Amino acid sequence: MSGERPPAARLTLVQRNDCGLCEEMQREIAALARSVALPPLEIVAVDSDPRLLRCHGDDVPVLLLDDTVVCRHRFDAFELLRLLRPGQNPQKSL
């Protein structure tokens, strides 16, 4: 046993400015965070990163847990909570 802690999980919301679905997902994540401890949320504009633009294009919003896709278009709280449970091995990737 090395004593090292695993890296902290991080949430990333890949979105686009003036996107109603993106704003809705951000509000729903914030609402869940009021009742459940969630990793910090970083909001990234898809157009600001060529890799994100290539991977997601117009397919936003996308919520990532580390680099694993949690959901697209509509917030899936159940999937996020499932992936956050200890011992889960996320299978969906970019």
Protein backbone atom coordinates (compact mmCIF):
# COMPACT_ATOMS: atom_id res chain seq x y z
CA MET A 1 0.00 0.00 0.00
CA SER A 2 1.67 3.21 -1.17
CA GLY A 3 -0.34 5.67 0.92
CA GLU A 4 -0.92 7.85 -2.13
CA ARG A 5 -4.40 9.24 -2.58
CA PRO A 6 -6.04 8.92 -5.99
CA PRO A 7 -6.35 12.21 -7.84
CA ALA A 8 -9.47 14.16 -7.02
CA ALA A 9 -12.30 13.81 -9.50
CA ARG A 10 -13.19 16.82 -11.61
CA LEU A 11 -16.34 17.75 -13.47
CA THR A 12 -16.18 19.68 -16.72
CA LEU A 13 -19.18 21.15 -18.48
CA VAL A 14 -18.36 21.62 -22.15
CA GLN A 15 -20.75 24.25 -23.44
CA ARG A 16 -21.28 27.10 -25.84
CA ASN A 17 -22.27 30.69 -25.11
CA ASP A 18 -25.97 31.50 -25.64
CA CYS A 19 -26.93 27.82 -25.41
CA GLY A 20 -30.18 27.26 -23.55
CA LEU A 21 -29.52 23.56 -22.94
CA CYS A 22 -26.06 24.44 -21.58
CA GLU A 23 -27.52 26.96 -19.14
CA GLU A 24 -30.17 24.45 -18.08
CA MET A 25 -27.58 21.74 -17.41
CA GLN A 26 -25.46 24.16 -15.39
CA ARG A 27 -28.49 25.09 -13.23
CA GLU A 28 -29.36 21.41 -12.69
CA ILE A 29 -25.79 20.57 -11.64
CA ALA A 30 -25.83 23.51 -9.21
CA ALA A 31 -29.15 22.32 -7.76
CA LEU A 32 -27.77 18.80 -7.21
CA ALA A 33 -24.61 20.26 -5.63
CA ARG A 34 -26.76 21.88 -2.95
CA SER A 35 -27.76 18.43 -1.66
CA VAL A 36 -24.83 16.18 -2.68
CA ALA A 37 -21.09 16.81 -2.47
CA LEU A 38 -19.85 17.04 -6.06
CA PRO A 39 -16.34 17.55 -7.41
CA PRO A 40 -15.52 21.11 -8.47
CA LEU A 41 -17.14 22.12 -11.76
CA GLU A 42 -15.13 23.74 -14.52
CA ILE A 43 -17.05 25.32 -17.38
CA VAL A 44 -15.27 25.28 -20.73
CA ALA A 45 -16.39 26.77 -24.02
CA VAL A 46 -16.23 24.10 -26.73
CA ASP A 47 -15.03 26.71 -29.23
CA SER A 48 -12.01 27.61 -27.07
CA ASP A 49 -10.25 24.26 -27.46
CA PRO A 50 -9.62 22.61 -30.87
CA ARG A 51 -9.64 19.12 -29.28
CA LEU A 52 -13.01 19.72 -27.61
CA LEU A 53 -14.41 21.23 -30.80
CA ARG A 54 -13.24 18.19 -32.79
CA CYS A 55 -14.69 15.75 -30.21
CA HIS A 56 -17.98 17.49 -29.49
CA GLY A 57 -18.64 20.15 -32.16
CA ASP A 58 -22.32 21.09 -31.98
CA ASP A 59 -23.04 18.16 -29.63
CA VAL A 60 -23.21 20.31 -26.47
CA PRO A 61 -23.64 20.50 -23.57
CA VAL A 62 -21.48 17.60 -22.47
CA LEU A 63 -20.72 16.80 -18.84
CA LEU A 64 -17.41 15.05 -18.24
CA LEU A 65 -16.22 13.34 -15.07
CA ASP A 66 -12.50 13.50 -15.52
CA ASP A 67 -12.39 12.60 -19.24
CA THR A 68 -15.43 10.32 -19.17
CA VAL A 69 -18.69 11.45 -20.77
CA VAL A 70 -21.44 11.45 -18.14
CA CYS A 71 -24.21 12.85 -20.33
CA ARG A 72 -24.93 14.97 -23.39
CA HIS A 73 -27.72 17.47 -24.04
CA ARG A 74 -29.73 16.67 -20.87
CA PHE A 75 -28.40 16.31 -17.34
CA ASP A 76 -28.43 12.73 -16.04
CA ALA A 77 -28.07 13.01 -12.26
CA PHE A 78 -28.42 9.24 -11.77
CA GLU A 79 -25.52 8.51 -14.15
CA LEU A 80 -23.33 11.15 -12.49
CA LEU A 81 -24.03 9.75 -9.03
CA ARG A 82 -23.41 6.21 -10.28
CA LEU A 83 -20.02 7.19 -11.69
CA LEU A 84 -19.09 9.01 -8.49
CA ARG A 85 -19.64 5.92 -6.33
CA PRO A 86 -16.40 4.36 -5.11
CA GLY A 87 -15.22 1.45 -7.21
CA GLN A 88 -16.96 2.54 -10.41
CA ASN A 89 -14.87 2.17 -13.54
CA PRO A 90 -16.23 4.61 -16.12
CA GLN A 91 -16.43 3.06 -19.57
CA LYS A 92 -17.63 5.95 -21.75
CA SER A 93 -14.79 8.18 -22.91
CA LEU A 94 -14.27 11.08 -25.24
